[in-house]
Protein backbone atom coordinates (compact mmCIF):
# COMPACT_ATOMS: atom_id res chain seq x y z
CA UNK A 1 -25.50 -8.86 26.38
CA UNK A 2 -25.80 -8.06 22.68
CA UNK A 3 -25.46 -10.25 19.62
CA UNK A 4 -23.29 -8.89 16.81
CA UNK A 5 -23.63 -10.22 13.26
CA UNK A 6 -20.43 -11.17 11.45
CA UNK A 7 -21.11 -10.79 7.72
CA UNK A 8 -19.28 -11.94 4.61
CA UNK A 9 -17.25 -8.82 3.70
CA UNK A 10 -17.17 -7.12 0.32
CA UNK A 11 -14.13 -8.64 -1.40
CA UNK A 12 -13.87 -6.66 -4.61
CA UNK A 13 -15.88 -4.84 -7.19
CA UNK A 14 -16.91 -7.92 -9.17
CA UNK A 15 -16.87 -10.57 -6.42
CA UNK A 16 -20.35 -11.61 -5.25
CA UNK A 17 -19.58 -14.74 -3.21
CA UNK A 18 -16.82 -16.61 -1.42
CA UNK A 19 -16.16 -20.16 -0.24
CA UNK A 20 -15.50 -20.93 3.41
CA UNK A 21 -12.19 -22.79 3.73
CA UNK A 22 -11.70 -23.08 7.48
CA UNK A 23 -13.25 -21.93 10.75
CA UNK A 24 -10.66 -20.83 13.32
CA UNK A 25 -13.34 -20.28 15.94
CA UNK A 26 -16.25 -22.49 16.97
CA UNK A 27 -19.36 -21.77 19.07
CA UNK A 28 -18.28 -21.10 22.65
CA UNK A 29 -14.80 -19.87 21.71
CA UNK A 30 -13.66 -16.45 22.86
CA UNK A 31 -12.64 -14.03 20.13
CA UNK A 32 -10.91 -10.66 20.26
CA UNK A 33 -11.73 -7.77 17.95
CA UNK A 34 -9.80 -8.05 14.65
CA UNK A 35 -8.83 -11.66 15.48
CA UNK A 36 -9.23 -14.08 12.55
CA UNK A 37 -12.48 -16.06 12.74
CA UNK A 38 -12.36 -17.92 9.42
CA UNK A 39 -10.54 -18.27 6.11
CA UNK A 40 -12.40 -17.72 2.84
CA UNK A 41 -11.52 -18.06 -0.84
CA UNK A 42 -12.68 -16.32 -4.00
CA UNK A 43 -11.91 -17.33 -7.56
CA UNK A 44 -8.56 -15.55 -7.23
CA UNK A 45 -7.15 -15.34 -3.70
CA UNK A 46 -7.60 -16.60 -0.15
CA UNK A 47 -8.43 -14.14 2.64
CA UNK A 48 -8.99 -14.01 6.37
CA UNK A 49 -12.16 -12.63 7.94
CA UNK A 50 -11.51 -10.87 11.28
CA UNK A 51 -14.00 -10.40 14.08
CA UNK A 52 -15.74 -7.04 14.23
CA UNK A 53 -16.29 -7.27 17.99
CA UNK A 54 -14.87 -8.85 21.15
CA UNK A 55 -16.91 -11.60 22.75
CA UNK A 56 -17.97 -15.25 22.53
CA UNK A 57 -18.87 -16.99 19.26
CA UNK A 58 -22.57 -17.74 19.72
CA UNK A 59 -23.40 -19.41 16.42
CA UNK A 60 -21.81 -20.43 13.13
CA UNK A 61 -24.30 -20.30 10.25
CA UNK A 62 -22.33 -21.97 7.45
CA UNK A 63 -20.08 -24.99 7.07
CA UNK A 64 -16.69 -25.47 5.44
CA UNK A 65 -16.92 -25.50 1.61
CA UNK A 66 -20.21 -23.58 1.64
CA UNK A 67 -20.40 -20.82 -1.00
CA UNK A 68 -21.74 -17.69 0.70
CA UNK A 69 -22.98 -14.47 -0.98
CA UNK A 70 -21.28 -11.22 0.02
CA UNK A 71 -23.21 -9.45 2.78
CA UNK A 72 -24.68 -12.64 4.29
CA UNK A 73 -24.49 -13.17 8.05
CA UNK A 74 -22.01 -16.01 8.61
CA UNK A 75 -21.72 -16.03 12.40
CA UNK A 76 -23.03 -14.36 15.56
CA UNK A 77 -20.84 -13.05 18.37
CA UNK A 78 -22.19 -12.36 21.86
CA UNK A 79 -20.55 -9.31 23.37
CA UNK A 80 -20.52 -7.94 26.92
CA UNK A 81 -22.24 -4.75 25.81
CA UNK A 82 -25.73 -4.51 27.20
CA UNK A 83 -28.54 -4.33 24.70
CA UNK A 84 -30.48 -1.06 24.83
CA UNK A 85 -33.46 -1.41 27.15
CA UNK A 86 -36.81 -1.64 25.42
CA UNK A 87 -39.70 0.14 27.09
CA UNK A 88 -43.30 -0.65 26.37
CA UNK A 89 -46.14 1.73 27.13
CA UNK A 90 -48.77 0.42 29.51
CA UNK A 91 -51.59 1.81 27.46
CA UNK A 92 -50.45 0.75 24.02
CA UNK A 93 -52.18 2.86 21.37
CA UNK A 94 -54.09 1.17 18.60
CA UNK A 95 -51.99 0.79 15.47
CA UNK A 96 -52.97 2.93 12.53
CA UNK A 97 -53.34 1.17 9.15
CA UNK A 98 -49.89 2.42 8.16
CA UNK A 99 -48.39 1.14 11.42
CA UNK A 100 -50.10 -2.20 10.92
CA UNK A 101 -48.59 -2.50 7.48
CA UNK A 102 -45.12 -1.85 8.85
CA UNK A 103 -45.51 -4.20 11.81
CA UNK A 104 -46.57 -7.10 9.60
CA UNK A 105 -43.59 -6.76 7.24
CA UNK A 106 -41.11 -9.65 7.55
CA UNK A 107 -38.12 -8.83 9.70
CA UNK A 108 -34.59 -9.70 8.46
CA UNK A 109 -34.46 -13.02 10.29
CA UNK A 110 -38.00 -13.83 9.13
CA UNK A 111 -37.00 -13.08 5.55
CA UNK A 112 -34.03 -15.42 5.91
CA UNK A 113 -36.33 -18.14 7.28
CA UNK A 114 -38.78 -17.65 4.41
CA UNK A 115 -35.89 -17.87 1.96
CA UNK A 116 -34.64 -21.08 3.56
CA UNK A 117 -38.14 -22.50 3.29
CA UNK A 118 -38.33 -21.63 -0.41
CA UNK A 119 -35.05 -23.42 -1.06
CA UNK A 120 -36.06 -26.43 1.03
CA UNK A 121 -39.36 -26.73 -0.82
CA UNK A 122 -37.72 -26.33 -4.22
CA UNK A 123 -39.06 -28.92 -6.63
CA UNK A 124 -37.32 -28.95 -10.00
CA UNK A 125 -39.37 -29.08 -13.14
CA UNK A 126 -40.17 -32.59 -14.28
CA UNK A 127 -37.70 -34.08 -16.71
CA UNK A 128 -37.11 -37.37 -18.42
CA UNK A 129 -33.80 -37.98 -16.68
CA UNK A 130 -32.55 -37.94 -13.14
CA UNK A 131 -29.53 -35.88 -11.99
CA UNK A 132 -26.55 -37.47 -10.38
CA UNK A 133 -26.79 -35.15 -7.38
CA UNK A 134 -23.01 -35.04 -6.93
CA UNK A 135 -22.65 -31.26 -7.28
CA UNK A 136 -23.22 -28.66 -4.59
CA UNK A 137 -25.52 -25.72 -5.30
CA UNK A 138 -25.85 -22.65 -3.13
CA UNK A 139 -29.34 -21.68 -1.89
CA UNK A 140 -29.23 -18.60 -4.12
CA UNK A 141 -28.61 -20.71 -7.25
CA UNK A 142 -31.37 -23.16 -6.29
CA UNK A 143 -33.79 -20.31 -5.71
CA UNK A 144 -33.09 -18.81 -9.15
CA UNK A 145 -33.46 -22.26 -10.74
CA UNK A 146 -36.82 -22.74 -9.04
CA UNK A 147 -38.10 -19.35 -10.19
CA UNK A 148 -36.95 -19.95 -13.77
CA UNK A 149 -38.28 -23.52 -14.01
CA UNK A 150 -34.84 -25.07 -14.47
CA UNK A 151 -34.82 -28.77 -13.67
CA UNK A 152 -32.16 -30.41 -11.54
CA UNK A 153 -31.07 -32.48 -14.55
CA UNK A 154 -30.64 -29.30 -16.57
CA UNK A 155 -28.81 -27.68 -13.66
CA UNK A 156 -26.33 -30.54 -13.50
CA UNK A 157 -25.36 -30.06 -17.16
CA UNK A 158 -24.62 -26.38 -16.56
CA UNK A 159 -20.95 -25.38 -16.62
CA UNK A 160 -19.85 -23.57 -13.47
CA UNK A 161 -17.02 -21.07 -13.12
CA UNK A 162 -16.99 -21.08 -9.33
CA UNK A 163 -14.87 -23.05 -6.88
CA UNK A 164 -14.48 -26.69 -8.00
CA UNK A 165 -16.74 -26.05 -10.98
CA UNK A 166 -19.69 -24.87 -8.91
CA UNK A 167 -22.46 -22.95 -10.61
CA UNK A 168 -22.44 -19.31 -9.46
CA UNK A 169 -25.17 -16.70 -9.58
CA UNK A 170 -23.51 -15.19 -12.67
CA UNK A 171 -23.43 -18.59 -14.43
CA UNK A 172 -27.12 -19.36 -13.94
CA UNK A 173 -28.24 -15.82 -14.85
CA UNK A 174 -26.19 -16.01 -18.06
CA UNK A 175 -27.70 -19.43 -18.77
CA UNK A 176 -31.23 -18.05 -18.29
CA UNK A 177 -30.46 -15.15 -20.64
CA UNK A 178 -29.02 -17.48 -23.30
CA UNK A 179 -31.98 -19.85 -23.00
CA UNK A 180 -34.44 -17.00 -23.52
CA UNK A 181 -32.49 -15.87 -26.56
CA UNK A 182 -32.60 -19.37 -28.01
CA UNK A 183 -36.32 -19.65 -27.30
CA UNK A 184 -36.92 -16.32 -28.99
CA UNK A 185 -35.01 -17.49 -32.06
CA UNK A 186 -37.06 -20.66 -32.22
CA UNK A 187 -40.31 -18.71 -32.03
CA UNK A 188 -39.14 -16.38 -34.74
CA UNK A 189 -39.14 -19.20 -37.35
CA UNK A 190 -42.28 -17.85 -38.99
CA UNK A 191 -40.55 -16.51 -42.08
CA UNK A 192 -41.43 -17.53 -45.62
CA UNK A 193 -40.52 -21.03 -46.83
CA UNK A 194 -37.59 -19.65 -48.84
CA UNK A 195 -35.85 -18.60 -45.62
CA UNK A 196 -36.61 -21.66 -43.50
CA UNK A 197 -33.38 -23.50 -44.23
CA UNK A 198 -31.30 -20.41 -43.46
CA UNK A 199 -33.19 -19.82 -40.21
CA UNK A 200 -32.65 -23.43 -39.17
CA UNK A 201 -28.91 -23.19 -39.82
CA UNK A 202 -28.69 -19.89 -37.95
CA UNK A 203 -30.55 -21.34 -34.98
CA UNK A 204 -28.30 -24.40 -34.90
CA UNK A 205 -25.16 -22.25 -34.84
CA UNK A 206 -26.64 -19.96 -32.17
CA UNK A 207 -27.48 -22.90 -29.92
CA UNK A 208 -23.97 -24.26 -30.30
CA UNK A 209 -22.26 -20.94 -29.53
CA UNK A 210 -24.50 -19.99 -26.61
CA UNK A 211 -24.95 -23.32 -24.86
CA UNK A 212 -22.91 -23.90 -21.70
CA UNK A 213 -19.75 -25.89 -22.06
CA UNK A 214 -20.24 -29.44 -20.81
CA UNK A 215 -17.48 -31.92 -20.35
CA UNK A 216 -17.76 -35.26 -22.07
CA UNK A 217 -17.45 -38.17 -19.66
CA UNK A 218 -13.84 -39.26 -19.81
CA UNK A 219 -13.12 -42.96 -20.31
CA UNK A 220 -11.71 -44.93 -17.44
CA UNK A 221 -7.96 -44.43 -17.30
CA UNK A 222 -5.82 -47.37 -16.30
CA UNK A 223 -2.65 -46.32 -14.49
CA UNK A 224 0.15 -48.63 -15.50
CA UNK A 225 3.83 -48.74 -14.76
CA UNK A 226 5.63 -46.59 -12.23
CA UNK A 227 3.31 -43.60 -11.75
CA UNK A 228 2.49 -40.96 -9.18
CA UNK A 229 -0.99 -39.47 -8.89
CA UNK A 230 -1.24 -35.88 -7.63
CA UNK A 231 -4.60 -34.28 -6.90
CA UNK A 232 -4.94 -30.73 -8.21
CA UNK A 233 -5.20 -28.16 -5.45
CA UNK A 234 -8.02 -25.62 -5.49
CA UNK A 235 -6.03 -22.91 -7.28
CA UNK A 236 -4.80 -25.29 -9.97
CA UNK A 237 -8.37 -26.42 -10.65
CA UNK A 238 -9.45 -22.78 -10.96
CA UNK A 239 -6.58 -22.04 -13.35
CA UNK A 240 -7.43 -25.10 -15.45
CA UNK A 241 -11.09 -24.12 -15.70
CA UNK A 242 -10.17 -20.50 -16.52
CA UNK A 243 -7.84 -21.56 -19.31
CA UNK A 244 -10.31 -23.99 -20.89
CA UNK A 245 -13.07 -21.41 -20.63
CA UNK A 246 -10.90 -18.81 -22.35
CA UNK A 247 -10.17 -21.12 -25.28
CA UNK A 248 -13.88 -21.86 -25.68
CA UNK A 249 -14.76 -18.15 -25.47
CA UNK A 250 -12.16 -16.45 -27.68
CA UNK A 251 -10.81 -17.52 -31.08
CA UNK A 252 -7.11 -17.09 -30.33
CA UNK A 253 -4.63 -15.68 -32.84
CA UNK A 254 -0.96 -15.14 -31.93
CA UNK A 255 1.45 -12.77 -33.70
CA UNK A 256 5.22 -12.67 -33.19
CA UNK A 257 7.96 -10.10 -33.58
CA UNK A 258 11.43 -9.44 -32.20
CA UNK A 259 13.00 -6.32 -30.75
CA UNK A 260 16.55 -5.09 -30.33
CA UNK A 261 16.55 -4.05 -26.65
CA UNK A 262 20.27 -3.32 -26.39
CA UNK A 263 19.81 0.32 -25.35
CA UNK A 264 17.30 -0.67 -22.67
CA UNK A 265 19.54 -3.42 -21.27
CA UNK A 266 22.64 -1.22 -21.14
CA UNK A 267 20.69 1.67 -19.54
CA UNK A 268 19.29 -0.57 -16.79
CA UNK A 269 22.72 -2.05 -16.13
CA UNK A 270 24.15 1.45 -15.79
CA UNK A 271 21.56 2.90 -13.39
CA UNK A 272 20.30 -0.08 -11.38
CA UNK A 273 22.62 0.40 -8.37
CA UNK A 274 21.94 4.12 -8.19
CA UNK A 275 18.21 3.47 -8.63
CA UNK A 276 18.12 0.99 -5.73
CA UNK A 277 20.18 3.32 -3.53
CA UNK A 278 17.95 6.33 -4.22
CA UNK A 279 14.52 4.69 -4.37
CA UNK A 280 15.04 1.77 -1.99
CA UNK A 281 13.78 -0.82 -4.46
CA UNK A 282 15.24 -2.81 -7.36
CA UNK A 283 14.36 -2.03 -10.97
CA UNK A 284 13.65 -5.02 -13.20
CA UNK A 285 12.76 -5.18 -16.88
CA UNK A 286 9.05 -5.61 -16.12
CA UNK A 287 8.20 -1.94 -15.38
CA UNK A 288 10.17 -0.90 -18.46
CA UNK A 289 8.13 -3.27 -20.61
CA UNK A 290 4.87 -2.12 -19.01
CA UNK A 291 5.78 1.50 -19.62
CA UNK A 292 6.19 0.80 -23.36
CA UNK A 293 2.96 -1.26 -23.51
CA UNK A 294 0.95 1.55 -21.91
CA UNK A 295 2.07 4.06 -24.54
CA UNK A 296 1.07 1.64 -27.31
CA UNK A 297 -2.34 0.86 -25.77
CA UNK A 298 -3.18 4.55 -26.03
CA UNK A 299 -2.51 4.31 -29.77
CA UNK A 300 -4.47 1.04 -30.17
CA UNK A 301 -7.29 1.16 -27.58
CA UNK A 302 -9.06 -1.84 -29.17
CA UNK A 303 -6.67 -4.19 -27.30
CA UNK A 304 -7.82 -2.63 -24.01
CA UNK A 305 -11.41 -3.77 -24.30
CA UNK A 306 -13.84 -6.61 -23.69
CA UNK A 307 -16.77 -8.22 -25.51
CA UNK A 308 -20.36 -8.12 -24.24
CA UNK A 309 -22.53 -10.06 -26.67
CA UNK A 310 -22.45 -8.02 -29.88
CA UNK A 311 -20.98 -4.95 -28.17
CA UNK A 312 -17.34 -3.92 -27.82
CA UNK A 313 -16.56 -2.25 -24.49
CA UNK A 314 -13.52 0.03 -24.83
CA UNK A 315 -11.88 0.59 -21.44
CA UNK A 316 -10.66 4.14 -20.87
CA UNK A 317 -8.70 3.12 -17.78
CA UNK A 318 -5.59 0.98 -18.18
CA UNK A 319 -5.42 -1.66 -15.45
CA UNK A 320 -2.32 -3.72 -16.21
CA UNK A 321 -2.26 -7.37 -15.15
CA UNK A 322 1.16 -8.94 -14.60
CA UNK A 323 1.28 -12.74 -14.52
CA UNK A 324 3.26 -13.86 -11.47
CA UNK A 325 4.53 -17.35 -10.70
CA UNK A 326 4.02 -18.58 -7.15
CA UNK A 327 6.47 -20.76 -5.20
CA UNK A 328 4.11 -23.76 -5.52
CA UNK A 329 4.15 -23.50 -9.32
CA UNK A 330 0.71 -21.93 -9.68
CA UNK A 331 0.10 -18.64 -11.46
CA UNK A 332 -1.73 -15.51 -10.35
CA UNK A 333 -2.29 -12.16 -12.06
CA UNK A 334 -2.17 -9.13 -9.74
CA UNK A 335 -3.32 -5.87 -11.34
CA UNK A 336 -1.73 -2.41 -11.36
CA UNK A 337 -4.78 -0.11 -11.29
CA UNK A 338 -4.55 3.01 -13.48
CA UNK A 339 -1.06 2.00 -14.56
CA UNK A 340 -0.85 4.90 -17.03
CA UNK A 341 -0.85 7.37 -14.13
CA UNK A 342 2.48 6.14 -12.71
CA UNK A 343 5.95 7.20 -13.77
CA UNK A 344 8.75 4.64 -14.00
CA UNK A 345 9.56 4.81 -10.29
CA UNK A 346 5.89 4.38 -9.40
CA UNK A 347 5.49 1.44 -11.77
CA UNK A 348 8.59 -0.19 -10.29
CA UNK A 349 7.19 0.10 -6.77
CA UNK A 350 3.83 -1.30 -7.87
CA UNK A 351 5.42 -4.25 -9.67
CA UNK A 352 7.70 -5.15 -6.77
CA UNK A 353 4.99 -4.76 -4.11
CA UNK A 354 2.41 -6.86 -5.93
CA UNK A 355 4.95 -9.56 -6.82
CA UNK A 356 6.16 -9.76 -3.22
CA UNK A 357 2.61 -9.91 -1.85
CA UNK A 358 1.73 -12.64 -4.35
CA UNK A 359 4.67 -14.80 -3.34
CA UNK A 360 3.84 -14.36 0.37
CA UNK A 361 0.08 -14.94 -0.07
CA UNK A 362 -0.70 -11.38 1.05
CA UNK A 363 -2.70 -10.22 -1.97
CA UNK A 364 -6.11 -8.76 -1.27
CA UNK A 365 -9.05 -9.94 -3.40
CA UNK A 366 -9.26 -6.56 -5.10
CA UNK A 367 -5.58 -6.82 -6.14
CA UNK A 368 -6.50 -9.39 -8.80
CA UNK A 369 -9.70 -7.80 -10.10
CA UNK A 370 -10.46 -5.43 -12.94
CA UNK A 371 -7.50 -6.02 -15.25
CA UNK A 372 -7.92 -4.72 -18.81
CA UNK A 373 -4.69 -6.05 -20.37
CA UNK A 374 -2.15 -8.64 -19.21
CA UNK A 375 1.57 -9.10 -19.74
CA UNK A 376 3.46 -12.30 -18.92
CA UNK A 377 7.25 -12.66 -18.86
CA UNK A 378 8.02 -16.17 -20.09
CA UNK A 379 11.67 -15.18 -20.46
CA UNK A 380 12.18 -15.40 -16.70
CA UNK A 381 12.19 -19.17 -17.08
CA UNK A 382 14.41 -19.18 -20.17
CA UNK A 383 11.71 -19.41 -22.85
CA UNK A 384 12.42 -17.54 -26.06
CA UNK A 385 8.72 -17.02 -26.81
CA UNK A 386 5.26 -18.28 -25.89
CA UNK A 387 1.65 -18.42 -27.03
CA UNK A 388 -0.20 -17.13 -23.95
CA UNK A 389 -3.91 -17.73 -23.32
CA UNK A 390 -6.09 -14.63 -23.00
CA UNK A 391 -7.06 -13.69 -19.45
CA UNK A 392 -10.85 -13.37 -19.76
CA UNK A 393 -12.72 -11.09 -20.13
CA UNK A 394 -9.78 -9.26 -21.72
CA UNK A 395 -9.08 -9.54 -25.44
CA UNK A 396 -5.28 -9.57 -25.60
CA UNK A 397 -2.20 -10.72 -23.69
CA UNK A 398 1.49 -10.01 -24.35
CA UNK A 399 4.32 -12.46 -23.69
CA UNK A 400 7.93 -11.27 -23.56
CA UNK A 401 10.69 -13.83 -24.03
CA UNK A 402 14.24 -14.18 -22.76
CA UNK A 403 16.76 -11.53 -23.76
CA UNK A 404 19.62 -13.17 -25.65
CA UNK A 405 22.76 -11.86 -27.30
CA UNK A 406 22.77 -12.66 -31.01
CA UNK A 407 24.67 -11.55 -34.11
CA UNK A 408 22.33 -9.41 -36.19
CA UNK A 409 22.51 -7.15 -39.22
CA UNK A 410 22.74 -3.48 -38.23
CA UNK A 411 21.57 -1.00 -40.85
CA UNK A 412 23.37 2.38 -40.87
CA UNK A 413 23.78 5.25 -43.30
CA UNK A 414 27.29 4.01 -43.99
CA UNK A 415 26.00 0.52 -44.85
CA UNK A 416 25.10 -2.74 -43.19
CA UNK A 417 27.24 -4.43 -40.59
CA UNK A 418 26.98 -7.38 -38.22
CA UNK A 419 27.03 -6.75 -34.49
CA UNK A 420 26.25 -8.45 -31.18
CA UNK A 421 22.90 -7.15 -29.91
CA UNK A 422 20.51 -7.96 -27.08
CA UNK A 423 17.46 -9.43 -28.84
CA UNK A 424 14.06 -10.43 -27.50
CA UNK A 425 10.97 -12.08 -29.02
CA UNK A 426 7.51 -10.76 -28.26
CA UNK A 427 4.22 -12.55 -28.89
CA UNK A 428 0.67 -11.25 -28.67
CA UNK A 429 -2.39 -13.49 -28.39
CA UNK A 430 -5.63 -11.67 -29.17
CA UNK A 431 -9.34 -12.31 -29.55
CA UNK A 432 -10.01 -12.53 -33.30
CA UNK A 433 -13.68 -11.68 -32.78
CA UNK A 434 -12.79 -8.00 -32.49
CA UNK A 435 -9.01 -7.68 -32.98
CA UNK A 436 -8.05 -8.32 -36.58
CA UNK A 437 -4.60 -9.41 -37.67
CA UNK A 438 -3.71 -5.93 -38.90
CA UNK A 439 -4.55 -4.31 -35.56
CA UNK A 440 -2.89 -7.04 -33.50
CA UNK A 441 0.30 -7.11 -35.56
CA UNK A 442 0.50 -3.30 -35.71
CA UNK A 443 0.12 -3.01 -31.95
CA UNK A 444 2.83 -5.62 -31.40
CA UNK A 445 5.19 -3.93 -33.87
CA UNK A 446 4.60 -0.60 -32.11
CA UNK A 447 5.72 -2.14 -28.80
CA UNK A 448 8.89 -3.42 -30.47
CA UNK A 449 9.61 0.06 -31.84
CA UNK A 450 9.11 1.62 -28.41
CA UNK A 451 11.64 -0.77 -26.90
CA UNK A 452 14.13 -0.36 -29.75
CA UNK A 453 14.00 3.44 -29.58
CA UNK A 454 14.56 3.49 -25.82
CA UNK A 455 16.51 6.62 -24.88
CA UNK A 456 19.81 5.46 -23.30
CA UNK A 457 20.41 8.96 -21.88
CA UNK A 458 17.09 9.27 -20.04
CA UNK A 459 16.81 10.00 -16.34
CA UNK A 460 14.74 7.93 -13.98
């Protein structure tokens, strides 16, 4: 019989690890090919890992709540397929130097054992304080800490973006980079005495801006009166951490405008039944809004970018994130990849499919990755406007409010008049590090113009 390795699958372009939520199979259990063996979770969605072979679960290598790098062997399955017979020559030739070099190289399992030994023998650099030891660290993080001379006390102060605030590989590598930058700045204080005060101030600001975010210990809270305590679920904790992190990362500015969307509303009302009959899916306002946003992004590409240190990364592809509320009250942002390549019918299908999959917990990990700009419809819940928080590492997010009938002044060549129009507020939050008020406000005004000049005679 042969042993087949079950590995942690690749879950998306930027996902490097996943957390084990539940094992459906234990050692000794029979498993069919493509049958679910375990549930895993990334920072965005939960997924199932199916078996790649039929057989008996021989060994489970990780426990529930372990954070496992992509590509790691997580279980072994014994199949009924016979292993290929190995023949050995009676008169074994003497190994050449090259053959000896190859034969003494560590095999995969040996490498894993050596790695485990390194992690087990990890001794953090001496410090003046002792860590609390209440946080879990993956072997990969511990190995990097050991190689970089990071003490356990220092590790415990590090802010983590992983599940339940765990420190990921990306977090510790960024911390190492920032620490080297700070060390370099400290060593560079060899300037003349006239510049010492300026250098000290610059160093102080740099240390503040680059140091990991640490939470101050909260005072004991006494629950009085008639109260109910609800523990945050895993997704809510991730959302909370993501929002706080975004506020610490980007200086938020929000601009507001309003748009007369009467032509758009009347057009949708006129064609929606025919659209559903012909295309087999309902048309909402969301794809119409996204269509207008895409045209404006092409005029203002700065809002479709990200920040990498002192560099601005302009994204040529438009991957549109659409904030979607889940039945349990949480929020998720599925992404329409290359949204600018779809016509209105295609955008409608993408919006409806992703929204339906989100509500039924059928999103794939890659469905929430790679967004370059996000739109959220706060009007669905009756809000007139909102001040959305940027979805990192993006630099802007648009909120559209509820569409309301209001009396407004209508300007015509014959003079002004008052009419009942369908009006909607729009708000744009943007990262003031690279998007100035003029660019942000101009982009928002351009979206309003696109919606106001909607062609009521267009075909779909």
